[in-house]
């Protein structure tokens, strides 16, 4: 297995803690003019403090794994909620730190790494416990042609640059809840793909 640009920590937070966090941060989703439920993003200080206590021991591992990366800080955690999306992507393809302007990517945010922590579990067959499970909501990386199904309590961390455009696939049953981390480095940190040769078949022993 070669070194992967995706750093995955399974069982990062216990399932029971995730269930309580999901309950604490959830809001009733609003509907648009067509009566379609809308995704929401919010901050929640108490939940952020609790999660960050789990996150702090990972910082040295980030610095060890991502060549040349020295941790400076993390933006306020974003608590995301994706309701059933009727076959449409729950979240459209995007780059975490750049926008596409005049035929090139322009960095517009001081973000170097992104983290996704899932508070719900992917479940593919009924019966469904919609309080703790979701069908759909896969985190996909089109450039690499693979993705991750939600795993409660797992966090995945990856570079925030344009090589890691991501989207969240349609939510078919339940409601996806996750936490997004935006992490910045001291000084200038540039992702070098030569440090991470191969693809998902060599980065992971099995596709997640």
Protein backbone atom coordinates (compact mmCIF):
# COMPACT_ATOMS: atom_id res chain seq x y z
CA UNK A 1 0.00 0.00 0.00
CA UNK A 2 1.52 3.34 -1.09
CA UNK A 3 1.14 6.59 0.80
CA UNK A 4 -2.30 8.08 0.28
CA UNK A 5 -3.30 11.76 0.12
CA UNK A 6 -6.42 10.69 2.04
CA UNK A 7 -5.83 10.22 5.75
CA UNK A 8 -8.62 8.13 7.30
CA UNK A 9 -9.25 7.64 11.01
CA UNK A 10 -11.96 5.06 11.55
CA UNK A 11 -13.75 5.00 14.92
CA UNK A 12 -12.45 8.52 15.56
CA UNK A 13 -15.47 9.19 17.80
CA UNK A 14 -17.64 6.55 19.49
CA UNK A 15 -21.04 5.87 17.87
CA UNK A 16 -22.94 6.89 21.00
CA UNK A 17 -21.19 10.27 21.05
CA UNK A 18 -22.00 10.76 17.35
CA UNK A 19 -25.67 9.98 17.99
CA UNK A 20 -25.81 12.60 20.72
CA UNK A 21 -23.96 15.17 18.62
CA UNK A 22 -26.35 14.57 15.71
CA UNK A 23 -29.26 15.18 18.05
CA UNK A 24 -27.71 18.29 19.61
CA UNK A 25 -26.88 20.07 16.34
CA UNK A 26 -29.88 19.08 14.23
CA UNK A 27 -32.32 21.73 13.03
CA UNK A 28 -35.58 21.37 11.15
CA UNK A 29 -34.73 21.82 7.46
CA UNK A 30 -36.44 24.61 5.58
CA UNK A 31 -38.26 24.20 2.27
CA UNK A 32 -37.83 26.36 -0.82
CA UNK A 33 -40.69 27.78 -2.89
CA UNK A 34 -41.12 24.38 -4.57
CA UNK A 35 -41.50 22.65 -1.19
CA UNK A 36 -38.11 20.95 -1.53
CA UNK A 37 -36.16 20.44 1.68
CA UNK A 38 -32.93 22.43 1.79
CA UNK A 39 -29.49 21.52 3.08
CA UNK A 40 -28.31 23.49 6.09
CA UNK A 41 -24.99 24.55 7.58
CA UNK A 42 -24.50 25.93 11.06
CA UNK A 43 -22.02 26.47 13.87
CA UNK A 44 -22.51 25.05 17.35
CA UNK A 45 -19.99 26.02 20.01
CA UNK A 46 -20.58 23.25 22.57
CA UNK A 47 -20.43 20.49 19.94
CA UNK A 48 -17.34 22.06 18.39
CA UNK A 49 -15.50 22.08 21.72
CA UNK A 50 -16.37 18.43 22.31
CA UNK A 51 -15.21 17.34 18.85
CA UNK A 52 -12.03 19.38 18.96
CA UNK A 53 -10.88 17.50 22.08
CA UNK A 54 -10.89 14.37 19.92
CA UNK A 55 -9.20 16.20 17.04
CA UNK A 56 -6.21 17.68 18.89
CA UNK A 57 -4.30 14.37 19.20
CA UNK A 58 -4.51 13.98 15.40
CA UNK A 59 -2.56 17.17 14.66
CA UNK A 60 0.92 15.57 14.98
CA UNK A 61 -0.28 12.77 12.68
CA UNK A 62 -1.31 15.35 10.06
CA UNK A 63 2.09 16.99 10.25
CA UNK A 64 3.82 13.63 9.90
CA UNK A 65 1.68 12.43 7.01
CA UNK A 66 1.42 15.52 4.80
CA UNK A 67 4.96 16.42 3.75
CA UNK A 68 5.94 19.94 4.81
CA UNK A 69 2.64 20.63 6.58
CA UNK A 70 2.83 22.55 9.89
CA UNK A 71 -0.49 23.07 11.63
CA UNK A 72 -1.60 26.66 12.24
CA UNK A 73 -5.29 26.41 13.01
CA UNK A 74 -8.80 25.27 12.12
CA UNK A 75 -11.82 27.37 11.19
CA UNK A 76 -14.99 26.99 13.22
CA UNK A 77 -16.41 23.55 12.49
CA UNK A 78 -19.34 23.50 10.08
CA UNK A 79 -22.23 21.18 10.97
CA UNK A 80 -23.90 20.10 7.75
CA UNK A 81 -27.30 18.53 7.29
CA UNK A 82 -28.46 17.04 3.97
CA UNK A 83 -32.10 15.90 3.72
CA UNK A 84 -33.50 13.61 1.01
CA UNK A 85 -32.53 15.25 -2.29
CA UNK A 86 -34.86 13.53 -4.77
CA UNK A 87 -32.14 12.14 -7.00
CA UNK A 88 -30.13 15.36 -7.18
CA UNK A 89 -26.65 15.63 -5.70
CA UNK A 90 -26.90 16.65 -2.05
CA UNK A 91 -23.86 18.88 -2.60
CA UNK A 92 -22.58 19.99 -5.99
CA UNK A 93 -18.94 19.51 -7.11
CA UNK A 94 -16.71 22.14 -5.55
CA UNK A 95 -13.18 22.94 -4.40
CA UNK A 96 -12.70 23.84 -0.76
CA UNK A 97 -10.19 26.65 -1.24
CA UNK A 98 -10.47 27.82 -4.86
CA UNK A 99 -12.86 28.94 -7.59
CA UNK A 100 -12.54 28.48 -11.34
CA UNK A 101 -12.00 31.86 -13.01
CA UNK A 102 -10.81 32.70 -16.50
CA UNK A 103 -9.93 29.10 -17.27
CA UNK A 104 -7.86 28.51 -14.16
CA UNK A 105 -8.27 27.75 -10.49
CA UNK A 106 -7.74 30.71 -8.17
CA UNK A 107 -7.20 30.16 -4.45
CA UNK A 108 -9.62 32.38 -2.55
CA UNK A 109 -9.61 30.84 0.95
CA UNK A 110 -6.81 30.17 3.41
CA UNK A 111 -7.47 26.43 3.63
CA UNK A 112 -4.94 23.66 3.10
CA UNK A 113 -6.64 20.50 4.36
CA UNK A 114 -10.29 19.51 4.66
CA UNK A 115 -11.78 17.01 7.07
CA UNK A 116 -15.18 15.29 6.97
CA UNK A 117 -16.57 13.58 10.07
CA UNK A 118 -19.77 11.57 9.62
CA UNK A 119 -22.42 11.45 12.34
CA UNK A 120 -24.57 8.90 10.48
CA UNK A 121 -23.93 5.43 9.02
CA UNK A 122 -24.52 4.32 5.45
CA UNK A 123 -27.15 1.57 5.32
CA UNK A 124 -28.28 0.06 2.03
CA UNK A 125 -31.33 -2.09 2.79
CA UNK A 126 -34.49 -1.71 4.86
CA UNK A 127 -35.40 -1.51 7.63
CA UNK A 128 -33.79 1.92 8.17
CA UNK A 129 -33.28 3.72 11.43
CA UNK A 130 -33.46 7.25 10.01
CA UNK A 131 -32.17 8.74 13.27
CA UNK A 132 -28.80 7.04 12.86
CA UNK A 133 -28.62 5.76 9.26
CA UNK A 134 -28.68 7.14 5.74
CA UNK A 135 -28.93 5.69 2.24
CA UNK A 136 -26.83 7.75 -0.16
CA UNK A 137 -24.68 10.72 0.74
CA UNK A 138 -21.46 9.26 -0.62
CA UNK A 139 -18.46 11.63 -0.57
CA UNK A 140 -17.18 11.39 -4.15
CA UNK A 141 -13.95 12.55 -5.79
CA UNK A 142 -14.58 12.62 -9.57
CA UNK A 143 -10.93 13.24 -10.46
CA UNK A 144 -9.99 9.93 -8.83
CA UNK A 145 -13.20 8.09 -9.71
CA UNK A 146 -13.93 6.80 -6.22
CA UNK A 147 -15.55 7.85 -2.96
CA UNK A 148 -16.40 7.04 0.63
CA UNK A 149 -19.72 5.92 2.03
CA UNK A 150 -20.67 7.61 5.32
CA UNK A 151 -19.24 5.80 8.35
CA UNK A 152 -20.40 7.05 11.69
CA UNK A 153 -17.49 8.31 13.78
CA UNK A 154 -14.95 8.18 10.93
CA UNK A 155 -13.03 11.26 9.80
CA UNK A 156 -11.29 11.58 6.44
CA UNK A 157 -8.74 14.36 5.83
CA UNK A 158 -7.45 15.39 2.41
CA UNK A 159 -5.89 18.40 0.65
CA UNK A 160 -8.28 21.29 0.04
CA UNK A 161 -6.94 22.18 -3.42
CA UNK A 162 -8.47 21.76 -6.89
CA UNK A 163 -7.09 18.24 -7.31
CA UNK A 164 -9.65 17.17 -4.71
CA UNK A 165 -12.91 18.49 -6.12
CA UNK A 166 -15.65 16.67 -4.23
CA UNK A 167 -19.39 16.28 -4.12
CA UNK A 168 -21.94 14.56 -1.91
CA UNK A 169 -24.22 12.18 -3.79
CA UNK A 170 -27.99 12.14 -3.54
CA UNK A 171 -29.53 11.27 -0.18
CA UNK A 172 -32.25 8.70 -0.81
CA UNK A 173 -33.38 7.74 2.69
CA UNK A 174 -32.82 9.49 5.99
CA UNK A 175 -30.78 12.61 6.57
CA UNK A 176 -27.01 12.88 6.26
CA UNK A 177 -25.30 14.77 9.07
CA UNK A 178 -21.59 15.47 8.99
CA UNK A 179 -19.01 17.91 10.30
CA UNK A 180 -16.62 19.75 7.98
CA UNK A 181 -13.15 20.85 9.10
CA UNK A 182 -11.16 23.55 7.27
CA UNK A 183 -7.52 23.35 8.35
CA UNK A 184 -4.72 25.79 7.53
CA UNK A 185 -0.93 25.50 7.60
CA UNK A 186 1.74 27.88 8.71
CA UNK A 187 3.18 29.79 5.76
CA UNK A 188 2.64 28.40 2.28
CA UNK A 189 1.89 24.70 1.93
CA UNK A 190 1.50 23.14 -1.51
CA UNK A 191 0.22 19.66 -2.22
CA UNK A 192 2.73 17.70 -4.30
CA UNK A 193 1.09 14.73 -6.07
CA UNK A 194 4.50 13.11 -6.56
CA UNK A 195 4.54 12.42 -2.82
CA UNK A 196 1.44 10.22 -3.21
CA UNK A 197 1.86 8.01 -6.30
CA UNK A 198 -0.74 5.48 -7.39
CA UNK A 199 -4.51 5.58 -7.08
CA UNK A 200 -7.20 4.35 -4.71
CA UNK A 201 -6.37 0.72 -5.53
CA UNK A 202 -2.90 1.17 -4.07
CA UNK A 203 -3.84 3.79 -1.45
CA UNK A 204 -6.33 1.51 0.29
CA UNK A 205 -6.40 -2.19 0.97
CA UNK A 206 -10.10 -2.06 0.19
CA UNK A 207 -12.41 0.57 -1.24
CA UNK A 208 -14.25 2.31 1.58
